[in-house]
PDB file of all heavy atoms in Angstrom:
ATOM      1  N   ALA A   1     -25.439  55.867  17.498  1.00  0.00           N
ATOM      2  CA  ALA A   1     -24.875  54.578  16.976  1.00  0.00           C
ATOM      3  C   ALA A   1     -24.192  54.924  15.671  1.00  0.00           C
ATOM      4  O   ALA A   1     -23.101  54.284  15.267  1.00  0.00           O
ATOM      5  CB  ALA A   1     -26.007  53.541  16.768  1.00  0.00           C
ATOM      6  N   LEU A   2     -24.799  55.796  14.793  1.00  0.00           N
ATOM      7  CA  LEU A   2     -24.249  56.116  13.598  1.00  0.00           C
ATOM      8  C   LEU A   2     -22.869  56.833  13.660  1.00  0.00           C
ATOM      9  O   LEU A   2     -21.927  56.514  12.937  1.00  0.00           O
ATOM     10  CB  LEU A   2     -25.213  56.989  12.737  1.00  0.00           C
ATOM     11  CG  LEU A   2     -26.208  56.390  11.838  1.00  0.00           C
ATOM     12  CD1 LEU A   2     -27.150  57.429  11.338  1.00  0.00           C
ATOM     13  CD2 LEU A   2     -25.465  55.771  10.699  1.00  0.00           C
ATOM     14  N   GLU A   3     -22.789  57.617  14.657  1.00  0.00           N
ATOM     15  CA  GLU A   3     -21.546  58.282  14.936  1.00  0.00           C
ATOM     16  C   GLU A   3     -20.380  57.335  15.316  1.00  0.00           C
ATOM     17  O   GLU A   3     -19.241  57.493  14.847  1.00  0.00           O
ATOM     18  CB  GLU A   3     -21.615  59.339  16.070  1.00  0.00           C
ATOM     19  CG  GLU A   3     -20.435  60.141  16.355  1.00  0.00           C
ATOM     20  CD  GLU A   3     -20.625  61.122  17.449  1.00  0.00           C
ATOM     21  OE1 GLU A   3     -21.790  61.216  18.015  1.00  0.00           O
ATOM     22  OE2 GLU A   3     -19.613  61.719  17.866  1.00  0.00           O
ATOM     23  N   ALA A   4     -20.730  56.227  15.992  1.00  0.00           N
ATOM     24  CA  ALA A   4     -19.817  55.270  16.365  1.00  0.00           C
ATOM     25  C   ALA A   4     -19.269  54.587  15.235  1.00  0.00           C
ATOM     26  O   ALA A   4     -18.083  54.239  15.070  1.00  0.00           O
ATOM     27  CB  ALA A   4     -20.365  54.399  17.429  1.00  0.00           C
ATOM     28  N   VAL A   5     -20.152  54.118  14.329  1.00  0.00           N
ATOM     29  CA  VAL A   5     -19.849  53.341  13.153  1.00  0.00           C
ATOM     30  C   VAL A   5     -19.051  54.308  12.242  1.00  0.00           C
ATOM     31  O   VAL A   5     -18.051  53.838  11.628  1.00  0.00           O
ATOM     32  CB  VAL A   5     -21.048  52.807  12.375  1.00  0.00           C
ATOM     33  CG1 VAL A   5     -20.662  52.111  11.120  1.00  0.00           C
ATOM     34  CG2 VAL A   5     -21.908  51.861  13.341  1.00  0.00           C
ATOM     35  N   TYR A   6     -19.455  55.537  12.032  1.00  0.00           N
ATOM     36  CA  TYR A   6     -18.669  56.371  11.186  1.00  0.00           C
ATOM     37  C   TYR A   6     -17.312  56.532  11.595  1.00  0.00           C
ATOM     38  O   TYR A   6     -16.374  56.431  10.780  1.00  0.00           O
ATOM     39  CB  TYR A   6     -19.270  57.836  11.296  1.00  0.00           C
ATOM     40  CG  TYR A   6     -18.684  58.843  10.524  1.00  0.00           C
ATOM     41  CD1 TYR A   6     -18.735  58.877   8.974  1.00  0.00           C
ATOM     42  CD2 TYR A   6     -17.655  59.748  10.988  1.00  0.00           C
ATOM     43  CE1 TYR A   6     -18.181  59.814   8.217  1.00  0.00           C
ATOM     44  CE2 TYR A   6     -16.975  60.621  10.163  1.00  0.00           C
ATOM     45  CZ  TYR A   6     -17.253  60.697   8.845  1.00  0.00           C
ATOM     46  OH  TYR A   6     -16.571  61.536   8.133  1.00  0.00           O
ATOM     47  N   HIS A   7     -16.931  56.696  12.954  1.00  0.00           N
ATOM     48  CA  HIS A   7     -15.590  56.872  13.372  1.00  0.00           C
ATOM     49  C   HIS A   7     -14.821  55.445  13.266  1.00  0.00           C
ATOM     50  O   HIS A   7     -13.729  55.383  12.874  1.00  0.00           O
ATOM     51  CB  HIS A   7     -15.556  57.311  14.818  1.00  0.00           C
ATOM     52  CG  HIS A   7     -15.832  58.750  14.920  1.00  0.00           C
ATOM     53  ND1 HIS A   7     -15.022  59.736  14.412  1.00  0.00           N
ATOM     54  CD2 HIS A   7     -16.905  59.403  15.507  1.00  0.00           C
ATOM     55  CE1 HIS A   7     -15.522  60.860  14.592  1.00  0.00           C
ATOM     56  NE2 HIS A   7     -16.689  60.724  15.338  1.00  0.00           N
ATOM     57  N   THR A   8     -15.518  54.341  13.412  1.00  0.00           N
ATOM     58  CA  THR A   8     -14.933  53.047  13.210  1.00  0.00           C
ATOM     59  C   THR A   8     -14.461  52.871  11.749  1.00  0.00           C
ATOM     60  O   THR A   8     -13.283  52.469  11.514  1.00  0.00           O
ATOM     61  CB  THR A   8     -15.990  51.887  13.417  1.00  0.00           C
ATOM     62  OG1 THR A   8     -16.349  51.994  14.835  1.00  0.00           O
ATOM     63  CG2 THR A   8     -15.361  50.498  13.201  1.00  0.00           C
ATOM     64  N   VAL A   9     -15.227  53.405  10.829  1.00  0.00           N
ATOM     65  CA  VAL A   9     -14.822  53.225   9.345  1.00  0.00           C
ATOM     66  C   VAL A   9     -13.812  54.355   9.030  1.00  0.00           C
ATOM     67  O   VAL A   9     -12.761  53.972   8.220  1.00  0.00           O
ATOM     68  CB  VAL A   9     -16.113  53.285   8.533  1.00  0.00           C
ATOM     69  CG1 VAL A   9     -15.727  53.327   7.048  1.00  0.00           C
ATOM     70  CG2 VAL A   9     -16.956  52.158   8.824  1.00  0.00           C
ATOM     71  N   MET A  10     -14.095  55.505   9.385  1.00  0.00           N
ATOM     72  CA  MET A  10     -13.286  56.719   8.771  1.00  0.00           C
ATOM     73  C   MET A  10     -12.019  57.133   9.557  1.00  0.00           C
ATOM     74  O   MET A  10     -11.107  57.576   8.925  1.00  0.00           O
ATOM     75  CB  MET A  10     -14.158  57.914   8.668  1.00  0.00           C
ATOM     76  CG  MET A  10     -15.390  57.719   7.847  1.00  0.00           C
ATOM     77  SD  MET A  10     -15.085  57.190   6.131  1.00  0.00           S
ATOM     78  CE  MET A  10     -14.083  58.566   5.519  1.00  0.00           C
ATOM     79  N   ASP A  11     -11.977  56.805  10.948  1.00  0.00           N
ATOM     80  CA  ASP A  11     -10.789  57.260  11.548  1.00  0.00           C
ATOM     81  C   ASP A  11      -9.492  56.581  10.996  1.00  0.00           C
ATOM     82  O   ASP A  11      -8.412  57.190  11.128  1.00  0.00           O
ATOM     83  CB  ASP A  11     -10.875  56.843  13.043  1.00  0.00           C
ATOM     84  CG  ASP A  11     -11.777  57.887  13.818  1.00  0.00           C
ATOM     85  OD1 ASP A  11     -12.252  58.857  13.118  1.00  0.00           O
ATOM     86  OD2 ASP A  11     -11.979  57.714  14.987  1.00  0.00           O
ATOM     87  N   LYS A  12      -9.588  55.396  10.471  1.00  0.00           N
ATOM     88  CA  LYS A  12      -8.352  54.702   9.938  1.00  0.00           C
ATOM     89  C   LYS A  12      -8.031  55.330   8.609  1.00  0.00           C
ATOM     90  O   LYS A  12      -7.088  55.024   7.961  1.00  0.00           O
ATOM     91  CB  LYS A  12      -8.575  53.296   9.811  1.00  0.00           C
ATOM     92  CG  LYS A  12      -9.629  52.913   8.879  1.00  0.00           C
ATOM     93  CD  LYS A  12      -9.913  51.278   8.986  1.00  0.00           C
ATOM     94  CE  LYS A  12     -11.024  50.923   9.736  1.00  0.00           C
ATOM     95  NZ  LYS A  12     -11.432  49.572   9.682  1.00  0.00           N
ATOM     96  N   ARG A  13      -8.904  56.177   8.009  1.00  0.00           N
ATOM     97  CA  ARG A  13      -8.723  56.750   6.723  1.00  0.00           C
ATOM     98  C   ARG A  13      -8.456  58.289   6.691  1.00  0.00           C
ATOM     99  O   ARG A  13      -8.695  59.008   5.768  1.00  0.00           O
ATOM    100  CB  ARG A  13      -9.888  56.409   5.815  1.00  0.00           C
ATOM    101  CG  ARG A  13     -10.083  55.019   5.364  1.00  0.00           C
ATOM    102  CD  ARG A  13     -11.324  54.803   4.523  1.00  0.00           C
ATOM    103  NE  ARG A  13     -11.352  53.445   4.061  1.00  0.00           N
ATOM    104  CZ  ARG A  13     -11.969  52.501   4.573  1.00  0.00           C
ATOM    105  NH1 ARG A  13     -12.549  52.614   5.698  1.00  0.00           N
ATOM    106  NH2 ARG A  13     -11.960  51.248   4.001  1.00  0.00           N
ATOM    107  N   LEU A  14      -8.007  58.725   7.837  1.00  0.00           N
ATOM    108  CA  LEU A  14      -7.831  60.218   8.037  1.00  0.00           C
ATOM    109  C   LEU A  14      -6.887  60.794   7.003  1.00  0.00           C
ATOM    110  O   LEU A  14      -7.092  61.978   6.480  1.00  0.00           O
ATOM    111  CB  LEU A  14      -7.250  60.541   9.438  1.00  0.00           C
ATOM    112  CG  LEU A  14      -8.228  60.262  10.592  1.00  0.00           C
ATOM    113  CD1 LEU A  14      -7.514  60.443  11.819  1.00  0.00           C
ATOM    114  CD2 LEU A  14      -9.430  61.024  10.453  1.00  0.00           C
ATOM    115  N   ASN A  15      -5.838  60.076   6.518  1.00  0.00           N
ATOM    116  CA  ASN A  15      -4.980  60.552   5.512  1.00  0.00           C
ATOM    117  C   ASN A  15      -5.039  59.917   4.091  1.00  0.00           C
ATOM    118  O   ASN A  15      -4.107  59.981   3.410  1.00  0.00           O
ATOM    119  CB  ASN A  15      -3.434  60.484   6.044  1.00  0.00           C
ATOM    120  CG  ASN A  15      -3.277  61.168   7.301  1.00  0.00           C
ATOM    121  OD1 ASN A  15      -3.581  62.270   7.459  1.00  0.00           O
ATOM    122  ND2 ASN A  15      -2.648  60.453   8.287  1.00  0.00           N
ATOM    123  N   ILE A  16      -6.253  59.386   3.878  1.00  0.00           N
ATOM    124  CA  ILE A  16      -6.590  58.761   2.541  1.00  0.00           C
ATOM    125  C   ILE A  16      -7.522  59.720   1.734  1.00  0.00           C
ATOM    126  O   ILE A  16      -8.436  60.191   2.243  1.00  0.00           O
ATOM    127  CB  ILE A  16      -7.158  57.365   2.730  1.00  0.00           C
ATOM    128  CG1 ILE A  16      -6.037  56.452   3.543  1.00  0.00           C
ATOM    129  CG2 ILE A  16      -7.479  56.741   1.413  1.00  0.00           C
ATOM    130  CD1 ILE A  16      -6.591  55.096   3.864  1.00  0.00           C
ATOM    131  N   ASP A  17      -7.001  59.818   0.447  1.00  0.00           N
ATOM    132  CA  ASP A  17      -7.900  60.441  -0.461  1.00  0.00           C
ATOM    133  C   ASP A  17      -9.174  59.682  -0.768  1.00  0.00           C
ATOM    134  O   ASP A  17      -9.126  58.686  -1.331  1.00  0.00           O
ATOM    135  CB  ASP A  17      -7.083  60.776  -1.778  1.00  0.00           C
ATOM    136  CG  ASP A  17      -7.860  61.501  -2.891  1.00  0.00           C
ATOM    137  OD1 ASP A  17      -8.950  62.026  -2.452  1.00  0.00           O
ATOM    138  OD2 ASP A  17      -7.426  61.716  -3.866  1.00  0.00           O
ATOM    139  N   ALA A  18     -10.285  60.275  -0.367  1.00  0.00           N
ATOM    140  CA  ALA A  18     -11.561  59.520  -0.518  1.00  0.00           C
ATOM    141  C   ALA A  18     -12.457  60.049  -1.737  1.00  0.00           C
ATOM    142  O   ALA A  18     -13.623  59.921  -1.789  1.00  0.00           O
ATOM    143  CB  ALA A  18     -12.314  59.745   0.740  1.00  0.00           C
ATOM    144  N   SER A  19     -11.683  60.597  -2.612  1.00  0.00           N
ATOM    145  CA  SER A  19     -12.350  61.305  -3.837  1.00  0.00           C
ATOM    146  C   SER A  19     -12.519  60.270  -4.960  1.00  0.00           C
ATOM    147  O   SER A  19     -13.372  60.640  -5.820  1.00  0.00           O
ATOM    148  CB  SER A  19     -11.605  62.588  -4.244  1.00  0.00           C
ATOM    149  OG  SER A  19     -10.367  62.165  -4.851  1.00  0.00           O
ATOM    150  N   THR A  20     -11.826  59.294  -4.983  1.00  0.00           N
ATOM    151  CA  THR A  20     -11.980  58.320  -6.132  1.00  0.00           C
ATOM    152  C   THR A  20     -13.091  57.359  -5.989  1.00  0.00           C
ATOM    153  O   THR A  20     -13.566  57.132  -4.787  1.00  0.00           O
ATOM    154  CB  THR A  20     -10.675  57.508  -6.273  1.00  0.00           C
ATOM    155  OG1 THR A  20     -10.546  56.554  -5.155  1.00  0.00           O
ATOM    156  CG2 THR A  20      -9.420  58.342  -6.397  1.00  0.00           C
ATOM    157  N   GLN A  21     -13.669  56.943  -7.048  1.00  0.00           N
ATOM    158  CA  GLN A  21     -14.829  56.024  -7.007  1.00  0.00           C
ATOM    159  C   GLN A  21     -14.462  54.732  -6.216  1.00  0.00           C
ATOM    160  O   GLN A  21     -15.205  54.171  -5.505  1.00  0.00           O
ATOM    161  CB  GLN A  21     -15.309  55.654  -8.399  1.00  0.00           C
ATOM    162  CG  GLN A  21     -16.007  56.860  -9.131  1.00  0.00           C
ATOM    163  CD  GLN A  21     -16.618  56.522 -10.348  1.00  0.00           C
ATOM    164  OE1 GLN A  21     -16.529  55.349 -10.795  1.00  0.00           O
ATOM    165  NE2 GLN A  21     -17.399  57.444 -10.995  1.00  0.00           N
ATOM    166  N   GLN A  22     -13.208  54.240  -6.460  1.00  0.00           N
ATOM    167  CA  GLN A  22     -12.802  52.983  -5.894  1.00  0.00           C
ATOM    168  C   GLN A  22     -12.836  53.112  -4.294  1.00  0.00           C
ATOM    169  O   GLN A  22     -13.348  52.219  -3.558  1.00  0.00           O
ATOM    170  CB  GLN A  22     -11.455  52.566  -6.277  1.00  0.00           C
ATOM    171  CG  GLN A  22     -11.032  51.305  -5.685  1.00  0.00           C
ATOM    172  CD  GLN A  22      -9.627  50.853  -6.138  1.00  0.00           C
ATOM    173  OE1 GLN A  22      -9.124  51.372  -7.164  1.00  0.00           O
ATOM    174  NE2 GLN A  22      -8.918  49.944  -5.400  1.00  0.00           N
ATOM    175  N   VAL A  23     -12.311  54.277  -3.830  1.00  0.00           N
ATOM    176  CA  VAL A  23     -12.202  54.422  -2.322  1.00  0.00           C
ATOM    177  C   VAL A  23     -13.595  54.616  -1.747  1.00  0.00           C
ATOM    178  O   VAL A  23     -13.937  54.052  -0.732  1.00  0.00           O
ATOM    179  CB  VAL A  23     -11.253  55.465  -2.059  1.00  0.00           C
ATOM    180  CG1 VAL A  23     -11.329  55.905  -0.535  1.00  0.00           C
ATOM    181  CG2 VAL A  23      -9.828  55.259  -2.492  1.00  0.00           C
ATOM    182  N   LYS A  24     -14.448  55.433  -2.468  1.00  0.00           N
ATOM    183  CA  LYS A  24     -15.834  55.576  -2.031  1.00  0.00           C
ATOM    184  C   LYS A  24     -16.634  54.280  -1.916  1.00  0.00           C
ATOM    185  O   LYS A  24     -17.243  54.134  -1.076  1.00  0.00           O
ATOM    186  CB  LYS A  24     -16.517  56.604  -2.954  1.00  0.00           C
ATOM    187  CG  LYS A  24     -15.996  58.077  -2.840  1.00  0.00           C
ATOM    188  CD  LYS A  24     -16.835  58.916  -3.776  1.00  0.00           C
ATOM    189  CE  LYS A  24     -16.352  60.382  -3.733  1.00  0.00           C
ATOM    190  NZ  LYS A  24     -17.051  61.250  -4.677  1.00  0.00           N
ATOM    191  N   GLN A  25     -16.417  53.375  -2.927  1.00  0.00           N
ATOM    192  CA  GLN A  25     -17.055  52.119  -2.841  1.00  0.00           C
ATOM    193  C   GLN A  25     -16.532  51.264  -1.683  1.00  0.00           C
ATOM    194  O   GLN A  25     -17.405  50.597  -1.025  1.00  0.00           O
ATOM    195  CB  GLN A  25     -16.790  51.361  -4.210  1.00  0.00           C
ATOM    196  CG  GLN A  25     -17.568  50.140  -4.382  1.00  0.00           C
ATOM    197  CD  GLN A  25     -18.986  50.319  -4.337  1.00  0.00           C
ATOM    198  OE1 GLN A  25     -19.540  51.028  -5.271  1.00  0.00           O
ATOM    199  NE2 GLN A  25     -19.770  49.785  -3.238  1.00  0.00           N
ATOM    200  N   GLU A  26     -15.272  51.352  -1.530  1.00  0.00           N
ATOM    201  CA  GLU A  26     -14.629  50.672  -0.345  1.00  0.00           C
ATOM    202  C   GLU A  26     -15.308  51.143   0.946  1.00  0.00           C
ATOM    203  O   GLU A  26     -15.563  50.368   1.865  1.00  0.00           O
ATOM    204  CB  GLU A  26     -13.148  50.761  -0.307  1.00  0.00           C
ATOM    205  CG  GLU A  26     -12.349  49.999  -1.452  1.00  0.00           C
ATOM    206  CD  GLU A  26     -10.895  50.364  -1.493  1.00  0.00           C
ATOM    207  OE1 GLU A  26     -10.530  51.154  -0.674  1.00  0.00           O
ATOM    208  OE2 GLU A  26     -10.251  49.819  -2.395  1.00  0.00           O
ATOM    209  N   ILE A  27     -15.343  52.368   1.110  1.00  0.00           N
ATOM    210  CA  ILE A  27     -16.021  53.057   2.261  1.00  0.00           C
ATOM    211  C   ILE A  27     -17.396  52.539   2.413  1.00  0.00           C
ATOM    212  O   ILE A  27     -17.838  52.083   3.514  1.00  0.00           O
ATOM    213  CB  ILE A  27     -15.919  54.516   2.301  1.00  0.00           C
ATOM    214  CG1 ILE A  27     -14.333  54.975   2.421  1.00  0.00           C
ATOM    215  CG2 ILE A  27     -16.718  55.187   3.322  1.00  0.00           C
ATOM    216  CD1 ILE A  27     -14.143  56.408   2.170  1.00  0.00           C
ATOM    217  N   ILE A  28     -18.223  52.752   1.523  1.00  0.00           N
ATOM    218  CA  ILE A  28     -19.590  52.222   1.544  1.00  0.00           C
ATOM    219  C   ILE A  28     -19.718  50.811   1.792  1.00  0.00           C
ATOM    220  O   ILE A  28     -20.576  50.287   2.559  1.00  0.00           O
ATOM    221  CB  ILE A  28     -20.398  52.609   0.229  1.00  0.00           C
ATOM    222  CG1 ILE A  28     -20.476  54.127   0.052  1.00  0.00           C
ATOM    223  CG2 ILE A  28     -21.863  52.091   0.237  1.00  0.00           C
ATOM    224  CD1 ILE A  28     -21.028  54.889   1.151  1.00  0.00           C
ATOM    225  N   ASN A  29     -18.782  49.901   1.226  1.00  0.00           N
ATOM    226  CA  ASN A  29     -18.812  48.509   1.464  1.00  0.00           C
ATOM    227  C   ASN A  29     -18.604  48.255   3.049  1.00  0.00           C
ATOM    228  O   ASN A  29     -19.241  47.395   3.652  1.00  0.00           O
ATOM    229  CB  ASN A  29     -17.690  47.875   0.859  1.00  0.00           C
ATOM    230  CG  ASN A  29     -17.950  47.597  -0.715  1.00  0.00           C
ATOM    231  OD1 ASN A  29     -19.035  48.077  -1.220  1.00  0.00           O
ATOM    232  ND2 ASN A  29     -17.057  47.031  -1.446  1.00  0.00           N
ATOM    233  N   GLU A  30     -17.712  49.144   3.586  1.00  0.00           N
ATOM    234  CA  GLU A  30     -17.425  48.763   4.962  1.00  0.00           C
ATOM    235  C   GLU A  30     -18.560  49.269   5.919  1.00  0.00           C
ATOM    236  O   GLU A  30     -18.937  48.619   6.874  1.00  0.00           O
ATOM    237  CB  GLU A  30     -16.168  49.488   5.393  1.00  0.00           C
ATOM    238  CG  GLU A  30     -15.730  49.086   6.841  1.00  0.00           C
ATOM    239  CD  GLU A  30     -14.200  49.467   7.128  1.00  0.00           C
ATOM    240  OE1 GLU A  30     -13.537  49.967   6.234  1.00  0.00           O
ATOM    241  OE2 GLU A  30     -13.850  49.283   8.334  1.00  0.00           O
ATOM    242  N   PHE A  31     -19.179  50.452   5.585  1.00  0.00           N
ATOM    243  CA  PHE A  31     -20.354  50.986   6.190  1.00  0.00           C
ATOM    244  C   PHE A  31     -21.346  49.807   6.244  1.00  0.00           C
ATOM    245  O   PHE A  31     -22.114  49.610   7.162  1.00  0.00           O
ATOM    246  CB  PHE A  31     -20.919  52.207   5.665  1.00  0.00           C
ATOM    247  CG  PHE A  31     -20.207  53.502   6.111  1.00  0.00           C
ATOM    248  CD1 PHE A  31     -19.703  54.439   5.250  1.00  0.00           C
ATOM    249  CD2 PHE A  31     -20.141  53.681   7.490  1.00  0.00           C
ATOM    250  CE1 PHE A  31     -19.128  55.590   5.692  1.00  0.00           C
ATOM    251  CE2 PHE A  31     -19.559  54.898   7.983  1.00  0.00           C
ATOM    252  CZ  PHE A  31     -19.008  55.826   6.978  1.00  0.00           C
ATOM    253  N   TYR A  32     -21.490  49.104   5.149  1.00  0.00           N
ATOM    254  CA  TYR A  32     -22.578  48.171   4.924  1.00  0.00           C
ATOM    255  C   TYR A  32     -22.218  46.992   5.889  1.00  0.00           C
ATOM    256  O   TYR A  32     -23.083  46.389   6.558  1.00  0.00           O
ATOM    257  CB  TYR A  32     -22.623  47.709   3.494  1.00  0.00           C
ATOM    258  CG  TYR A  32     -23.728  46.582   3.325  1.00  0.00           C
ATOM    259  CD1 TYR A  32     -25.008  46.892   3.423  1.00  0.00           C
ATOM    260  CD2 TYR A  32     -23.207  45.332   2.895  1.00  0.00           C
ATOM    261  CE1 TYR A  32     -25.976  45.913   3.215  1.00  0.00           C
ATOM    262  CE2 TYR A  32     -24.133  44.321   2.789  1.00  0.00           C
ATOM    263  CZ  TYR A  32     -25.571  44.653   2.919  1.00  0.00           C
ATOM    264  OH  TYR A  32     -26.505  43.599   2.704  1.00  0.00           O
ATOM    265  N   THR A  33     -21.006  46.469   5.848  1.00  0.00           N
ATOM    266  CA  THR A  33     -20.651  45.320   6.640  1.00  0.00           C
ATOM    267  C   THR A  33     -20.720  45.593   8.058  1.00  0.00           C
ATOM    268  O   THR A  33     -20.911  44.745   8.931  1.00  0.00           O
ATOM    269  CB  THR A  33     -19.295  44.739   6.216  1.00  0.00           C
ATOM    270  OG1 THR A  33     -18.272  45.757   6.354  1.00  0.00           O
ATOM    271  CG2 THR A  33     -19.250  44.335   4.815  1.00  0.00           C
ATOM    272  N   GLU A  34     -20.410  46.914   8.517  1.00  0.00           N
ATOM    273  CA  GLU A  34     -20.588  47.326   9.919  1.00  0.00           C
ATOM    274  C   GLU A  34     -21.977  47.440  10.393  1.00  0.00           C
ATOM    275  O   GLU A  34     -22.132  47.735  11.583  1.00  0.00           O
ATOM    276  CB  GLU A  34     -19.756  48.558  10.115  1.00  0.00           C
ATOM    277  CG  GLU A  34     -18.151  48.413   9.915  1.00  0.00           C
ATOM    278  CD  GLU A  34     -17.665  47.705  11.108  1.00  0.00           C
ATOM    279  OE1 GLU A  34     -18.226  47.693  12.243  1.00  0.00           O
ATOM    280  OE2 GLU A  34     -16.471  47.128  10.899  1.00  0.00           O
ATOM    281  N   GLY A  35     -22.935  47.467   9.470  1.00  0.00           N
ATOM    282  CA  GLY A  35     -24.342  47.520   9.803  1.00  0.00           C
ATOM    283  C   GLY A  35     -24.875  48.927   9.934  1.00  0.00           C
ATOM    284  O   GLY A  35     -25.943  48.983  10.358  1.00  0.00           O
ATOM    285  N   ALA A  36     -24.179  49.844   9.370  1.00  0.00           N
ATOM    286  CA  ALA A  36     -24.626  51.229   9.382  1.00  0.00           C
ATOM    287  C   ALA A  36     -25.981  51.430   8.689  1.00  0.00           C
ATOM    288  O   ALA A  36     -26.947  52.190   9.244  1.00  0.00           O
ATOM    289  CB  ALA A  36     -23.662  52.253   8.740  1.00  0.00           C
TER     290      ALA A  36
END
Protein backbone atom coordinates (compact mmCIF):
# COMPACT_ATOMS: atom_id res chain seq x y z
CA ALA A 1 0.00 0.00 0.00
CA LEU A 2 2.89 2.37 0.78
CA GLU A 3 4.41 1.72 -2.62
CA ALA A 4 1.12 2.56 -4.33
CA VAL A 5 0.80 5.86 -2.45
CA TYR A 6 4.45 6.70 -3.06
CA HIS A 7 4.02 6.38 -6.83
CA THR A 8 0.74 8.32 -6.71
CA VAL A 9 2.55 11.26 -5.12
CA MET A 10 5.98 11.08 -6.73
CA ASP A 11 5.43 9.93 -10.32
CA LYS A 12 4.03 13.34 -11.22
CA ARG A 13 7.20 14.95 -9.83
CA LEU A 14 9.81 12.97 -11.78
CA ASN A 15 11.39 16.12 -13.22
CA ILE A 16 10.90 18.39 -10.22
CA ASP A 17 13.71 19.39 -7.88
CA ALA A 18 12.65 18.06 -4.47
CA SER A 19 15.61 19.52 -2.58
CA THR A 20 13.93 22.73 -1.41
CA GLN A 21 12.06 22.95 1.88
CA GLN A 22 8.93 24.21 0.12
CA VAL A 23 8.77 21.25 -2.27
CA LYS A 24 9.53 18.78 0.52
CA GLN A 25 6.69 20.27 2.56
CA GLU A 26 4.33 20.00 -0.41
CA ILE A 27 5.32 16.34 -0.85
CA ILE A 28 4.77 15.49 2.83
CA ASN A 29 1.46 17.38 2.73
CA GLU A 30 0.31 15.21 -0.14
CA PHE A 31 1.52 11.99 1.51
CA TYR A 32 -0.56 13.06 4.50
CA THR A 33 -3.74 13.81 2.54
CA GLU A 34 -3.33 10.52 0.62
CA GLY A 35 -3.35 8.64 3.94
CA ALA A 36 0.23 7.35 3.81
